[in-house]
Amino acid sequence: MLVTSISLFLSVSSTPAQEKTRFSILDDQSLMEAREAYRRQDAAILPAVNRLRHDADAALAQLPVSVTLKTQLPSSGDRHDYMSLARYYWLDTTKPEDLPYGSRDGEVNPEIYTIPDASNCGRMIVAVHTLALAYAVLGADQIEPDGSQPLEHRRTTAAHYVLFNLQAFFKLAAVAEHAGIDLWNYQTADHRSIRHALDWTLPYIHGERDWTWKLVKKFEWSEYAPLLKQAASVYKDSSYEAAAVALNSGKILSDRSEILFYRR
């Protein structure tokens, strides 16, 4: 549902000349100009984009919501059905069993808040809009043709944010896969891709290159092990598995990634 909803806001098609974004609801020209302004690091747009990035990070961390989270049963008897109450209708205490509900226009019945379907639906819509907008402004810039992520290199804990961004891309690709969309192997005309972004990190993970960007606190490269384990499973490439094991002092991983991305 998330990927389908995002597609209502935008769709992306590649041409040899450029990456063009077409929007179904949002204004194409305004967002294209906003993206270019951000690429130029225009001071007038940076505060809004930084807040958008913060909101998008929060949306990615948001736990999935479902109609099955409610404790009440709809009249169908199936918790999988969406359920909500009329905002201005109250139990009628003058009637047997207080039913049917009666209208009190303009008076909100607090009982509506005991059923979370409406609020959860609203949260999902906000998250979809935020992530779609963030992708429109930031998504195409994150990963350069060589696989680097220069916008993350500007952070004070750059190595962490390169990993954090990769984790987000991996989650997005995993969700898209279930919707029949292959982001794992998607590549732009100038060779930007999730896999290139991961491969760019390998010399630093292996200690073959020194990390020259800012780190205000120590970063443990072993944090990449679960992501490498997942990459080994997705791309059917044992070199990622070997890298994950090497980061774990030559031992097979004992965390959940060994279960989630098991392959032999």
C-alpha atoms as a PDB file:
ATOM      1  CA  MET A   1       0.000   0.000   0.000  1.00  0.00           C
ATOM      2  CA  LEU A   2       2.861   2.395   0.828  1.00  0.00           C
ATOM      3  CA  VAL A   3       4.520   2.028  -2.589  1.00  0.00           C
ATOM      4  CA  THR A   4       1.157   2.260  -4.356  1.00  0.00           C
ATOM      5  CA  SER A   5       0.300   5.416  -2.422  1.00  0.00           C
ATOM      6  CA  ILE A   6       3.652   7.024  -3.185  1.00  0.00           C
ATOM      7  CA  SER A   7       3.059   6.316  -6.881  1.00  0.00           C
ATOM      8  CA  LEU A   8      -0.062   8.475  -6.663  1.00  0.00           C
ATOM      9  CA  PHE A   9       2.189  11.407  -5.845  1.00  0.00           C
ATOM     10  CA  LEU A  10       4.980  10.726  -8.314  1.00  0.00           C
ATOM     11  CA  SER A  11       6.438   8.360 -10.854  1.00  0.00           C
ATOM     12  CA  VAL A  12       9.981   8.322 -12.193  1.00  0.00           C
ATOM     13  CA  SER A  13      11.214   7.517 -15.680  1.00  0.00           C
ATOM     14  CA  SER A  14      14.775   7.537 -16.959  1.00  0.00           C
ATOM     15  CA  THR A  15      15.949   9.088 -20.184  1.00  0.00           C
ATOM     16  CA  PRO A  16      19.544   9.107 -21.476  1.00  0.00           C
ATOM     17  CA  ALA A  17      19.718  12.837 -20.869  1.00  0.00           C
ATOM     18  CA  GLN A  18      18.284  13.123 -17.396  1.00  0.00           C
ATOM     19  CA  GLU A  19      16.199  11.682 -14.603  1.00  0.00           C
ATOM     20  CA  LYS A  20      12.712  13.174 -14.993  1.00  0.00           C
ATOM     21  CA  THR A  21      10.060  13.101 -12.309  1.00  0.00           C
ATOM     22  CA  ARG A  22       6.383  13.310 -13.233  1.00  0.00           C
ATOM     23  CA  PHE A  23       3.895  14.220 -10.507  1.00  0.00           C
ATOM     24  CA  SER A  24       0.249  13.264 -10.375  1.00  0.00           C
ATOM     25  CA  ILE A  25      -0.735  15.737  -7.638  1.00  0.00           C
ATOM     26  CA  LEU A  26       2.236  17.950  -6.774  1.00  0.00           C
ATOM     27  CA  ASP A  27       3.435  20.833  -8.961  1.00  0.00           C
ATOM     28  CA  ASP A  28       6.218  19.623 -11.268  1.00  0.00           C
ATOM     29  CA  GLN A  29       7.875  22.953 -11.936  1.00  0.00           C
ATOM     30  CA  SER A  30       8.001  24.126  -8.332  1.00  0.00           C
ATOM     31  CA  LEU A  31       9.552  20.872  -7.125  1.00  0.00           C
ATOM     32  CA  MET A  32      12.076  20.743  -9.963  1.00  0.00           C
ATOM     33  CA  GLU A  33      13.169  24.277  -9.081  1.00  0.00           C
ATOM     34  CA  ALA A  34      13.289  23.387  -5.373  1.00  0.00           C
ATOM     35  CA  ARG A  35      15.485  20.374  -6.174  1.00  0.00           C
ATOM     36  CA  GLU A  36      17.856  22.523  -8.216  1.00  0.00           C
ATOM     37  CA  ALA A  37      17.968  25.142  -5.465  1.00  0.00           C
ATOM     38  CA  TYR A  38      18.915  22.444  -2.966  1.00  0.00           C
ATOM     39  CA  ARG A  39      21.619  21.122  -5.269  1.00  0.00           C
ATOM     40  CA  ARG A  40      23.055  24.643  -5.352  1.00  0.00           C
ATOM     41  CA  GLN A  41      22.770  24.754  -1.544  1.00  0.00           C
ATOM     42  CA  ASP A  42      20.609  27.884  -1.791  1.00  0.00           C
ATOM     43  CA  ALA A  43      20.412  29.246   1.757  1.00  0.00           C
ATOM     44  CA  ALA A  44      16.787  30.278   1.249  1.00  0.00           C
ATOM     45  CA  ILE A  45      15.588  26.687   0.891  1.00  0.00           C
ATOM     46  CA  LEU A  46      17.956  24.826   3.223  1.00  0.00           C
ATOM     47  CA  PRO A  47      15.908  25.237   6.457  1.00  0.00           C
ATOM     48  CA  ALA A  48      12.792  23.757   4.810  1.00  0.00           C
ATOM     49  CA  VAL A  49      14.741  20.911   3.212  1.00  0.00           C
ATOM     50  CA  ASN A  50      16.534  20.096   6.463  1.00  0.00           C
ATOM     51  CA  ARG A  51      13.171  19.901   8.236  1.00  0.00           C
ATOM     52  CA  LEU A  52      11.825  17.718   5.414  1.00  0.00           C
ATOM     53  CA  ARG A  53      14.813  15.375   5.817  1.00  0.00           C
ATOM     54  CA  HIS A  54      14.142  15.168   9.565  1.00  0.00           C
ATOM     55  CA  ASP A  55      10.460  14.409   8.950  1.00  0.00           C
ATOM     56  CA  ALA A  56      11.334  11.775   6.336  1.00  0.00           C
ATOM     57  CA  ASP A  57      13.771  10.074   8.730  1.00  0.00           C
ATOM     58  CA  ALA A  58      10.984   9.957  11.319  1.00  0.00           C
ATOM     59  CA  ALA A  59       8.546   8.548   8.753  1.00  0.00           C
ATOM     60  CA  LEU A  60      10.995   5.785   7.851  1.00  0.00           C
ATOM     61  CA  ALA A  61      11.331   4.889  11.519  1.00  0.00           C
ATOM     62  CA  GLN A  62       7.551   4.803  11.999  1.00  0.00           C
ATOM     63  CA  LEU A  63       6.200   1.359  12.813  1.00  0.00           C
ATOM     64  CA  PRO A  64       3.724  -0.100  10.297  1.00  0.00           C
ATOM     65  CA  VAL A  65       0.064   0.515  11.094  1.00  0.00           C
ATOM     66  CA  SER A  66      -2.804  -1.838  10.408  1.00  0.00           C
ATOM     67  CA  VAL A  67      -6.584  -2.026  10.790  1.00  0.00           C
ATOM     68  CA  THR A  68      -5.993  -5.120  12.917  1.00  0.00           C
ATOM     69  CA  LEU A  69      -4.504  -3.019  15.730  1.00  0.00           C
ATOM     70  CA  LYS A  70      -7.927  -2.068  17.097  1.00  0.00           C
ATOM     71  CA  THR A  71      -9.549  -4.027  19.898  1.00  0.00           C
ATOM     72  CA  GLN A  72     -13.129  -3.479  18.694  1.00  0.00           C
ATOM     73  CA  LEU A  73     -14.800  -5.647  16.076  1.00  0.00           C
ATOM     74  CA  PRO A  74     -16.636  -4.052  13.140  1.00  0.00           C
ATOM     75  CA  SER A  75     -20.224  -5.116  12.512  1.00  0.00           C
ATOM     76  CA  SER A  76     -18.863  -7.633   9.983  1.00  0.00           C
ATOM     77  CA  GLY A  77     -17.085  -9.461  12.803  1.00  0.00           C
ATOM     78  CA  ASP A  78     -13.780  -9.199  10.903  1.00  0.00           C
ATOM     79  CA  ARG A  79     -11.047  -7.045  12.465  1.00  0.00           C
ATOM     80  CA  HIS A  80      -9.472  -6.706   8.999  1.00  0.00           C
ATOM     81  CA  ASP A  81     -12.285  -4.341   8.012  1.00  0.00           C
ATOM     82  CA  TYR A  82     -11.801  -0.594   8.429  1.00  0.00           C
ATOM     83  CA  MET A  83     -13.937   0.861  11.194  1.00  0.00           C
ATOM     84  CA  SER A  84     -14.796   4.373  12.336  1.00  0.00           C
ATOM     85  CA  LEU A  85     -17.588   6.205  14.150  1.00  0.00           C
ATOM     86  CA  ALA A  86     -19.495   9.279  12.983  1.00  0.00           C
ATOM     87  CA  ARG A  87     -17.789  12.275  14.568  1.00  0.00           C
ATOM     88  CA  TYR A  88     -20.896  14.044  15.898  1.00  0.00           C
ATOM     89  CA  TYR A  89     -23.042  11.031  16.848  1.00  0.00           C
ATOM     90  CA  TRP A  90     -23.531   9.999  20.471  1.00  0.00           C
ATOM     91  CA  LEU A  91     -25.219   7.153  22.318  1.00  0.00           C
ATOM     92  CA  ASP A  92     -28.823   8.118  23.038  1.00  0.00           C
ATOM     93  CA  THR A  93     -29.416   7.472  26.761  1.00  0.00           C
ATOM     94  CA  THR A  94     -33.163   7.911  26.299  1.00  0.00           C
ATOM     95  CA  LYS A  95     -33.375   4.818  24.096  1.00  0.00           C
ATOM     96  CA  PRO A  96     -33.183   1.094  24.980  1.00  0.00           C
ATOM     97  CA  GLU A  97     -29.534   0.024  25.196  1.00  0.00           C
ATOM     98  CA  ASP A  98     -28.644   3.662  24.340  1.00  0.00           C
ATOM     99  CA  LEU A  99     -29.119   2.884  20.618  1.00  0.00           C
ATOM    100  CA  PRO A 100     -29.348   4.054  17.910  1.00  0.00           C
ATOM    101  CA  TYR A 101     -26.753   6.861  18.039  1.00  0.00           C
ATOM    102  CA  GLY A 102     -28.174  10.376  17.822  1.00  0.00           C
ATOM    103  CA  SER A 103     -26.736  13.478  16.162  1.00  0.00           C
ATOM    104  CA  ARG A 104     -25.263  16.371  18.170  1.00  0.00           C
ATOM    105  CA  ASP A 105     -23.874  18.472  15.346  1.00  0.00           C
ATOM    106  CA  GLY A 106     -20.596  20.165  16.214  1.00  0.00           C
ATOM    107  CA  GLU A 107     -20.054  18.143  19.420  1.00  0.00           C
ATOM    108  CA  VAL A 108     -17.231  15.626  18.960  1.00  0.00           C
ATOM    109  CA  ASN A 109     -17.885  12.274  20.601  1.00  0.00           C
ATOM    110  CA  PRO A 110     -14.578  11.260  22.282  1.00  0.00           C
ATOM    111  CA  GLU A 111     -15.508   7.635  21.651  1.00  0.00           C
ATOM    112  CA  ILE A 112     -14.157   8.058  18.090  1.00  0.00           C
ATOM    113  CA  TYR A 113     -10.622   8.155  19.511  1.00  0.00           C
ATOM    114  CA  THR A 114     -10.935   4.630  20.936  1.00  0.00           C
ATOM    115  CA  ILE A 115     -10.874   3.208  17.397  1.00  0.00           C
ATOM    116  CA  PRO A 116      -7.436   3.928  15.857  1.00  0.00           C
ATOM    117  CA  ASP A 117      -8.198   3.125  12.209  1.00  0.00           C
ATOM    118  CA  ALA A 118      -8.884   6.731  11.172  1.00  0.00           C
ATOM    119  CA  SER A 119      -5.849   8.196  12.962  1.00  0.00           C
ATOM    120  CA  ASN A 120      -3.587   5.400  11.686  1.00  0.00           C
ATOM    121  CA  CYS A 121      -4.831   5.996   8.153  1.00  0.00           C
ATOM    122  CA  GLY A 122      -4.053   9.686   8.593  1.00  0.00           C
ATOM    123  CA  ARG A 123      -0.546   8.897   9.847  1.00  0.00           C
ATOM    124  CA  MET A 124       0.090   6.711   6.826  1.00  0.00           C
ATOM    125  CA  ILE A 125      -1.114   9.405   4.421  1.00  0.00           C
ATOM    126  CA  VAL A 126       1.158  11.992   6.055  1.00  0.00           C
ATOM    127  CA  ALA A 127       4.106   9.575   5.919  1.00  0.00           C
ATOM    128  CA  VAL A 128       3.477   8.832   2.235  1.00  0.00           C
ATOM    129  CA  HIS A 129       3.319  12.515   1.372  1.00  0.00           C
ATOM    130  CA  THR A 130       6.488  13.227   3.375  1.00  0.00           C
ATOM    131  CA  LEU A 131       8.476  10.363   1.838  1.00  0.00           C
ATOM    132  CA  ALA A 132       7.280  11.163  -1.690  1.00  0.00           C
ATOM    133  CA  LEU A 133       8.261  14.806  -1.284  1.00  0.00           C
ATOM    134  CA  ALA A 134      11.615  13.867   0.246  1.00  0.00           C
ATOM    135  CA  TYR A 135      12.297  11.509  -2.654  1.00  0.00           C
ATOM    136  CA  ALA A 136      11.385  14.238  -5.143  1.00  0.00           C
ATOM    137  CA  VAL A 137      13.784  16.737  -3.571  1.00  0.00           C
ATOM    138  CA  LEU A 138      16.504  14.522  -2.076  1.00  0.00           C
ATOM    139  CA  GLY A 139      16.215  11.048  -3.531  1.00  0.00           C
ATOM    140  CA  ALA A 140      17.920  11.511  -6.859  1.00  0.00           C
ATOM    141  CA  ASP A 141      20.783  13.455  -5.248  1.00  0.00           C
ATOM    142  CA  GLN A 142      21.774  10.988  -2.564  1.00  0.00           C
ATOM    143  CA  ILE A 143      23.673   8.679  -4.545  1.00  0.00           C
ATOM    144  CA  GLU A 144      26.245   9.831  -7.061  1.00  0.00           C
ATOM    145  CA  PRO A 145      27.242   7.788 -10.180  1.00  0.00           C
ATOM    146  CA  ASP A 146      30.317   6.456  -8.334  1.00  0.00           C
ATOM    147  CA  GLY A 147      28.143   5.330  -5.409  1.00  0.00           C
ATOM    148  CA  SER A 148      29.152   8.067  -2.976  1.00  0.00           C
ATOM    149  CA  GLN A 149      26.613  10.025  -0.926  1.00  0.00           C
ATOM    150  CA  PRO A 150      28.071  13.542  -0.641  1.00  0.00           C
ATOM    151  CA  LEU A 151      25.079  14.970   1.187  1.00  0.00           C
ATOM    152  CA  GLU A 152      25.717  12.491   4.002  1.00  0.00           C
ATOM    153  CA  HIS A 153      29.455  13.271   3.984  1.00  0.00           C
ATOM    154  CA  ARG A 154      28.589  16.749   5.281  1.00  0.00           C
ATOM    155  CA  ARG A 155      27.127  15.343   8.496  1.00  0.00           C
ATOM    156  CA  THR A 156      29.133  15.380  11.721  1.00  0.00           C
ATOM    157  CA  THR A 157      28.813  11.585  11.961  1.00  0.00           C
ATOM    158  CA  ALA A 158      29.154  10.989   8.226  1.00  0.00           C
ATOM    159  CA  ALA A 159      29.911   7.245   8.319  1.00  0.00           C
ATOM    160  CA  HIS A 160      26.784   6.624  10.381  1.00  0.00           C
ATOM    161  CA  TYR A 161      24.564   8.611   8.030  1.00  0.00           C
ATOM    162  CA  VAL A 162      25.931   6.863   4.931  1.00  0.00           C
ATOM    163  CA  LEU A 163      24.904   3.587   6.571  1.00  0.00           C
ATOM    164  CA  PHE A 164      21.598   5.033   7.801  1.00  0.00           C
ATOM    165  CA  ASN A 165      20.713   6.183   4.298  1.00  0.00           C
ATOM    166  CA  LEU A 166      21.642   2.793   2.835  1.00  0.00           C
ATOM    167  CA  GLN A 167      19.447   1.058   5.394  1.00  0.00           C
ATOM    168  CA  ALA A 168      16.558   3.277   4.294  1.00  0.00           C
ATOM    169  CA  PHE A 169      17.164   2.417   0.628  1.00  0.00           C
ATOM    170  CA  PHE A 170      17.304  -1.293   1.485  1.00  0.00           C
ATOM    171  CA  LYS A 171      13.987  -1.052   3.363  1.00  0.00           C
ATOM    172  CA  LEU A 172      12.405   0.801   0.457  1.00  0.00           C
ATOM    173  CA  ALA A 173      13.675  -1.799  -2.033  1.00  0.00           C
ATOM    174  CA  ALA A 174      12.355  -4.635   0.135  1.00  0.00           C
ATOM    175  CA  VAL A 175       8.888  -3.034   0.294  1.00  0.00           C
ATOM    176  CA  ALA A 176       8.915  -2.299  -3.440  1.00  0.00           C
ATOM    177  CA  GLU A 177       9.850  -5.905  -4.204  1.00  0.00           C
ATOM    178  CA  HIS A 178       6.559  -7.072  -2.673  1.00  0.00           C
ATOM    179  CA  ALA A 179       4.755  -4.636  -4.967  1.00  0.00           C
ATOM    180  CA  GLY A 180       6.477  -6.078  -8.030  1.00  0.00           C
ATOM    181  CA  ILE A 181       8.988  -3.206  -8.356  1.00  0.00           C
ATOM    182  CA  ASP A 182      12.702  -4.065  -8.605  1.00  0.00           C
ATOM    183  CA  LEU A 183      14.683  -1.286  -6.947  1.00  0.00           C
ATOM    184  CA  TRP A 184      17.524  -3.646  -6.020  1.00  0.00           C
ATOM    185  CA  ASN A 185      18.746  -3.677  -9.612  1.00  0.00           C
ATOM    186  CA  TYR A 186      17.369  -0.312 -10.724  1.00  0.00           C
ATOM    187  CA  GLN A 187      20.009   1.938 -12.216  1.00  0.00           C
ATOM    188  CA  THR A 188      19.742   5.446 -13.649  1.00  0.00           C
ATOM    189  CA  ALA A 189      21.149   6.374 -17.038  1.00  0.00           C
ATOM    190  CA  ASP A 190      24.321   7.648 -15.322  1.00  0.00           C
ATOM    191  CA  HIS A 191      24.690   4.486 -13.196  1.00  0.00           C
ATOM    192  CA  ARG A 192      23.323   5.600  -9.820  1.00  0.00           C
ATOM    193  CA  SER A 193      22.036   2.587  -7.901  1.00  0.00           C
ATOM    194  CA  ILE A 194      21.603   1.098  -4.443  1.00  0.00           C
ATOM    195  CA  ARG A 195      24.219  -1.558  -5.153  1.00  0.00           C
ATOM    196  CA  HIS A 196      26.785   1.011  -6.300  1.00  0.00           C
ATOM    197  CA  ALA A 197      26.181   2.904  -3.057  1.00  0.00           C
ATOM    198  CA  LEU A 198      26.886  -0.229  -1.030  1.00  0.00           C
ATOM    199  CA  ASP A 199      29.953  -1.158  -3.087  1.00  0.00           C
ATOM    200  CA  TRP A 200      31.351   2.336  -2.575  1.00  0.00           C
ATOM    201  CA  THR A 201      31.596   1.634   1.160  1.00  0.00           C
ATOM    202  CA  LEU A 202      33.492  -1.667   0.841  1.00  0.00           C
ATOM    203  CA  PRO A 203      37.071  -0.264   0.762  1.00  0.00           C
ATOM    204  CA  TYR A 204      36.315   1.624   4.001  1.00  0.00           C
ATOM    205  CA  ILE A 205      34.686  -1.428   5.561  1.00  0.00           C
ATOM    206  CA  HIS A 206      37.749  -3.534   4.685  1.00  0.00           C
ATOM    207  CA  GLY A 207      40.159  -0.856   5.934  1.00  0.00           C
ATOM    208  CA  GLU A 208      41.660  -0.407   2.469  1.00  0.00           C
ATOM    209  CA  ARG A 209      40.903   3.322   2.528  1.00  0.00           C
ATOM    210  CA  ASP A 210      40.906   5.815   5.382  1.00  0.00           C
ATOM    211  CA  TRP A 211      37.672   7.624   6.161  1.00  0.00           C
ATOM    212  CA  THR A 212      38.447  11.310   5.617  1.00  0.00           C
ATOM    213  CA  TRP A 213      35.053  12.836   6.403  1.00  0.00           C
ATOM    214  CA  LYS A 214      33.962  14.168   9.774  1.00  0.00           C
ATOM    215  CA  LEU A 215      33.288  11.820  12.689  1.00  0.00           C
ATOM    216  CA  VAL A 216      32.653  13.469  16.038  1.00  0.00           C
ATOM    217  CA  LYS A 217      32.301  10.062  17.646  1.00  0.00           C
ATOM    218  CA  LYS A 218      33.688   6.614  16.952  1.00  0.00           C
ATOM    219  CA  PHE A 219      31.918   4.541  14.314  1.00  0.00           C
ATOM    220  CA  GLU A 220      31.928   0.740  14.372  1.00  0.00           C
ATOM    221  CA  TRP A 221      32.135  -0.587  10.822  1.00  0.00           C
ATOM    222  CA  SER A 222      30.753  -3.880  12.119  1.00  0.00           C
ATOM    223  CA  GLU A 223      27.343  -2.155  12.010  1.00  0.00           C
ATOM    224  CA  TYR A 224      27.419  -2.873   8.275  1.00  0.00           C
ATOM    225  CA  ALA A 225      27.378  -6.652   8.835  1.00  0.00           C
ATOM    226  CA  PRO A 226      23.555  -7.138   8.746  1.00  0.00           C
ATOM    227  CA  LEU A 227      23.279  -4.994   5.600  1.00  0.00           C
ATOM    228  CA  LEU A 228      26.029  -7.007   3.906  1.00  0.00           C
ATOM    229  CA  LYS A 229      24.270 -10.211   4.924  1.00  0.00           C
ATOM    230  CA  GLN A 230      21.092  -8.935   3.296  1.00  0.00           C
ATOM    231  CA  ALA A 231      23.008  -7.893   0.165  1.00  0.00           C
ATOM    232  CA  ALA A 232      24.479 -11.408  -0.093  1.00  0.00           C
ATOM    233  CA  SER A 233      20.951 -12.810  -0.078  1.00  0.00           C
ATOM    234  CA  VAL A 234      19.503 -10.281  -2.519  1.00  0.00           C
ATOM    235  CA  TYR A 235      22.318 -10.246  -5.045  1.00  0.00           C
ATOM    236  CA  LYS A 236      23.362 -13.897  -4.631  1.00  0.00           C
ATOM    237  CA  ASP A 237      26.934 -12.684  -4.120  1.00  0.00           C
ATOM    238  CA  SER A 238      29.058 -14.519  -1.557  1.00  0.00           C
ATOM    239  CA  SER A 239      31.592 -11.669  -1.348  1.00  0.00           C
ATOM    240  CA  TYR A 240      29.101  -9.669   0.724  1.00  0.00           C
ATOM    241  CA  GLU A 241      28.676 -12.642   3.044  1.00  0.00           C
ATOM    242  CA  ALA A 242      32.456 -12.916   3.413  1.00  0.00           C
ATOM    243  CA  ALA A 243      32.661  -9.202   4.225  1.00  0.00           C
ATOM    244  CA  ALA A 244      29.975  -9.568   6.899  1.00  0.00           C
ATOM    245  CA  VAL A 245      31.802 -12.509   8.482  1.00  0.00           C
ATOM    246  CA  ALA A 246      35.106 -10.594   8.379  1.00  0.00           C
ATOM    247  CA  LEU A 247      33.487  -7.713  10.251  1.00  0.00           C
ATOM    248  CA  ASN A 248      32.377 -10.217  12.882  1.00  0.00           C
ATOM    249  CA  SER A 249      35.938 -11.360  13.644  1.00  0.00           C
ATOM    250  CA  GLY A 250      35.663 -14.231  11.175  1.00  0.00           C
ATOM    251  CA  LYS A 251      32.624 -15.757  12.881  1.00  0.00           C
ATOM    252  CA  ILE A 252      29.170 -16.424  11.451  1.00  0.00           C
ATOM    253  CA  LEU A 253      26.757 -13.694  12.503  1.00  0.00           C
ATOM    254  CA  SER A 254      24.684 -14.559  15.558  1.00  0.00           C
ATOM    255  CA  ASP A 255      22.150 -11.739  15.223  1.00  0.00           C
ATOM    256  CA  ARG A 256      18.778 -11.985  13.487  1.00  0.00           C
ATOM    257  CA  SER A 257      20.209 -11.147  10.068  1.00  0.00           C
ATOM    258  CA  GLU A 258      21.520 -14.733   9.940  1.00  0.00           C
ATOM    259  CA  ILE A 259      17.891 -15.893  10.144  1.00  0.00           C
ATOM    260  CA  LEU A 260      16.273 -13.167   8.065  1.00  0.00           C
ATOM    261  CA  PHE A 261      18.724 -13.420   5.168  1.00  0.00           C
ATOM    262  CA  TYR A 262      19.818 -17.036   5.437  1.00  0.00           C
ATOM    263  CA  ARG A 263      21.301 -18.556   2.269  1.00  0.00           C
ATOM    264  CA  ARG A 264      23.511 -21.606   1.751  1.00  0.00           C
END
